[in-house]
Protein backbone atom coordinates (compact mmCIF):
# COMPACT_ATOMS: atom_id res chain seq x y z
CA MET A 1 20.68 10.34 -5.15
CA ASP A 2 18.89 8.10 -7.52
CA CYS A 3 15.59 7.15 -6.06
CA VAL A 4 13.54 4.67 -7.60
CA PHE A 5 10.03 6.46 -6.25
CA CYS A 6 11.67 9.72 -8.06
CA ARG A 7 11.64 8.09 -11.26
CA GLU A 8 9.00 5.43 -11.25
CA GLU A 9 5.71 5.47 -10.14
CA GLY A 10 6.06 2.23 -7.74
CA GLY A 11 3.04 0.61 -9.38
CA ASP A 12 -0.13 0.83 -10.80
CA VAL A 13 -1.43 3.95 -9.54
CA LEU A 14 -4.78 3.74 -8.42
CA TRP A 15 -5.38 7.25 -7.42
CA GLN A 16 -2.97 10.93 -7.27
CA ASP A 17 -2.97 14.24 -6.36
CA ASP A 18 -0.32 16.95 -6.47
CA ALA A 19 0.96 15.72 -3.00
CA MET A 20 1.04 11.69 -3.28
CA ARG A 21 -0.08 8.68 -4.89
CA VAL A 22 -1.47 5.41 -3.86
CA VAL A 23 -0.31 2.30 -5.96
CA LEU A 24 -0.91 -1.36 -6.38
CA ALA A 25 2.35 -2.49 -5.69
CA ASP A 26 3.49 -5.81 -8.13
CA GLU A 27 4.08 -8.10 -5.16
CA THR A 28 3.30 -12.01 -6.40
CA ASP A 29 2.47 -13.28 -3.00
CA TYR A 30 0.36 -9.98 -2.03
CA PRO A 31 -2.63 -9.23 -4.30
CA GLY A 32 -3.92 -5.83 -3.14
CA PHE A 33 -0.52 -4.65 -1.54
CA CYS A 34 -0.58 -0.94 -1.75
CA ARG A 35 1.76 1.74 -0.80
CA VAL A 36 0.90 5.44 -0.41
CA ILE A 37 3.87 7.46 -1.77
CA LEU A 38 4.49 11.11 -1.09
CA ASN A 39 5.56 12.92 -4.52
CA ARG A 40 8.48 15.07 -3.47
CA HIS A 41 11.37 13.38 -2.16
CA ILE A 42 11.77 13.24 1.34
CA ALA A 43 13.51 11.10 3.70
CA GLU A 44 11.58 11.13 7.08
CA PHE A 45 8.20 11.22 7.87
CA SER A 46 9.20 13.88 10.97
CA ASP A 47 10.19 16.26 8.16
CA LEU A 48 6.98 16.68 6.82
CA ASP A 49 5.16 19.74 8.08
CA ASP A 50 1.73 19.05 9.99
CA ALA A 51 -0.43 19.52 7.16
CA GLU A 52 1.29 17.26 5.05
CA ARG A 53 2.05 14.46 8.22
CA GLU A 54 -2.00 14.45 8.65
CA ARG A 55 -2.82 14.44 4.56
CA VAL A 56 -0.63 11.38 4.14
CA MET A 57 -1.76 9.42 7.43
CA ARG A 58 -5.68 10.58 5.80
CA ALA A 59 -4.66 8.58 2.94
CA VAL A 60 -2.77 5.62 4.53
CA ASN A 61 -6.64 5.55 6.66
CA ALA A 62 -8.51 5.74 3.32
CA THR A 63 -6.41 3.00 1.72
CA GLU A 64 -6.50 0.76 4.53
CA ARG A 65 -10.25 1.10 4.60
CA ALA A 66 -10.64 0.73 0.76
CA ILE A 67 -8.36 -2.89 1.30
CA ARG A 68 -10.87 -4.26 3.76
CA ARG A 69 -14.10 -3.53 2.16
CA VAL A 70 -12.64 -5.04 -0.65
CA MET A 71 -10.08 -7.63 -0.04
CA GLN A 72 -11.50 -8.73 3.40
CA PRO A 73 -8.32 -9.88 5.18
CA VAL A 74 -7.79 -11.12 8.41
CA LYS A 75 -5.40 -8.06 9.41
CA ILE A 76 -3.72 -5.13 7.79
CA ASN A 77 0.06 -4.54 8.01
CA LEU A 78 0.88 -0.99 8.23
CA ALA A 79 4.80 -0.29 7.46
CA SER A 80 7.11 2.75 6.79
CA LEU A 81 10.88 1.41 6.47
CA GLY A 82 12.63 3.42 4.05
CA ASN A 83 15.94 1.42 4.75
CA GLN A 84 16.10 0.28 1.12
CA VAL A 85 13.92 3.46 -0.47
CA PRO A 86 14.41 6.34 1.72
CA HIS A 87 11.54 8.53 0.04
CA VAL A 88 8.50 8.76 2.68
CA HIS A 89 5.94 5.82 1.87
CA TRP A 90 3.64 3.62 3.72
CA HIS A 91 3.26 0.40 2.99
CA VAL A 92 -0.49 -0.85 3.17
CA ILE A 93 -1.10 -4.69 3.16
CA PRO A 94 -3.86 -6.87 3.45
CA ARG A 95 -2.89 -10.00 5.55
CA PHE A 96 -4.89 -13.53 5.19
CA SER A 97 -3.96 -16.46 7.69
CA ASN A 98 -2.97 -18.73 4.52
CA ASP A 99 -0.77 -16.07 3.18
CA ALA A 100 2.85 -16.90 2.22
CA HIS A 101 4.02 -15.79 5.45
CA PHE A 102 1.29 -15.22 8.02
CA PRO A 103 1.96 -15.01 10.86
CA LEU A 104 5.36 -13.04 10.05
CA PRO A 105 5.72 -10.31 8.11
CA VAL A 106 5.94 -10.36 4.55
CA TRP A 107 9.53 -10.17 4.19
CA ALA A 108 10.37 -12.73 6.95
CA PRO A 109 11.01 -16.22 5.46
CA ARG A 110 8.21 -18.09 3.88
CA GLN A 111 5.76 -20.15 5.86
CA ARG A 112 3.84 -22.29 3.39
CA THR A 113 3.09 -22.28 -0.58
CA VAL A 114 0.02 -20.54 -1.85
CA SER A 115 -2.20 -21.99 -4.47
CA GLU A 116 -2.20 -20.14 -7.83
CA ALA A 117 -5.56 -20.59 -7.73
CA LEU A 118 -5.85 -18.63 -4.31
CA LEU A 119 -3.88 -15.55 -5.53
CA ALA A 120 -5.72 -15.78 -8.51
CA ALA A 121 -8.73 -15.07 -6.81
CA ARG A 122 -7.24 -12.32 -4.45
CA ARG A 123 -5.65 -11.05 -7.60
CA ALA A 124 -9.22 -10.54 -8.92
CA GLN A 125 -10.37 -9.31 -6.13
CA ALA A 126 -7.67 -6.81 -5.88
CA THR A 127 -9.00 -5.83 -9.60
CA LEU A 128 -11.74 -4.08 -7.61
CA LEU A 129 -9.62 -1.44 -5.57
CA ARG A 130 -9.00 1.53 -7.78
CA ASP A 131 -12.83 2.41 -7.54
CA ALA A 132 -12.43 1.58 -3.74
CA VAL A 133 -9.72 3.62 -2.97
CA ARG A 134 -11.02 6.38 -4.94
CA SER A 135 -14.19 6.63 -3.43
CA GLU A 136 -12.53 6.67 -0.04
CA LEU A 137 -9.95 9.24 -0.78
CA GLU A 138 -12.69 11.48 -2.11
CA HIS A 139 -14.47 10.86 1.25
CA ALA A 140 -11.27 11.69 3.27
CA PHE A 141 -10.14 14.82 1.32
CA ALA A 142 -13.90 16.09 1.07
């Protein structure tokens, strides 16, 4: 099977170890949108052993904490779908009441246009995620 997450990083790598990586996704409308991606190709979360599942969820939790601290969203969306990319990964998405799709999911029809100035300000904030994610993950795995 040709898998994009086996072939490519899936975004700008903020942190990685032998088991997984956290990447900043290239999502134009959603600066700060991160993915926690298992390095080995497994399609279903339930196929991981207990220790691996726990490790992935610690990374998701640490990534959420970092995004909340840096981006200060009104809500975080967590999703693990895998319909188009059947490779264990979690989306960690900062949401704002004035983002393009709020209150609907980011994959729903657009609700509004967001100014380039606001998106640029959020992109600037997102540049701080590298250090924040590393710090949270170091703490989570200490």
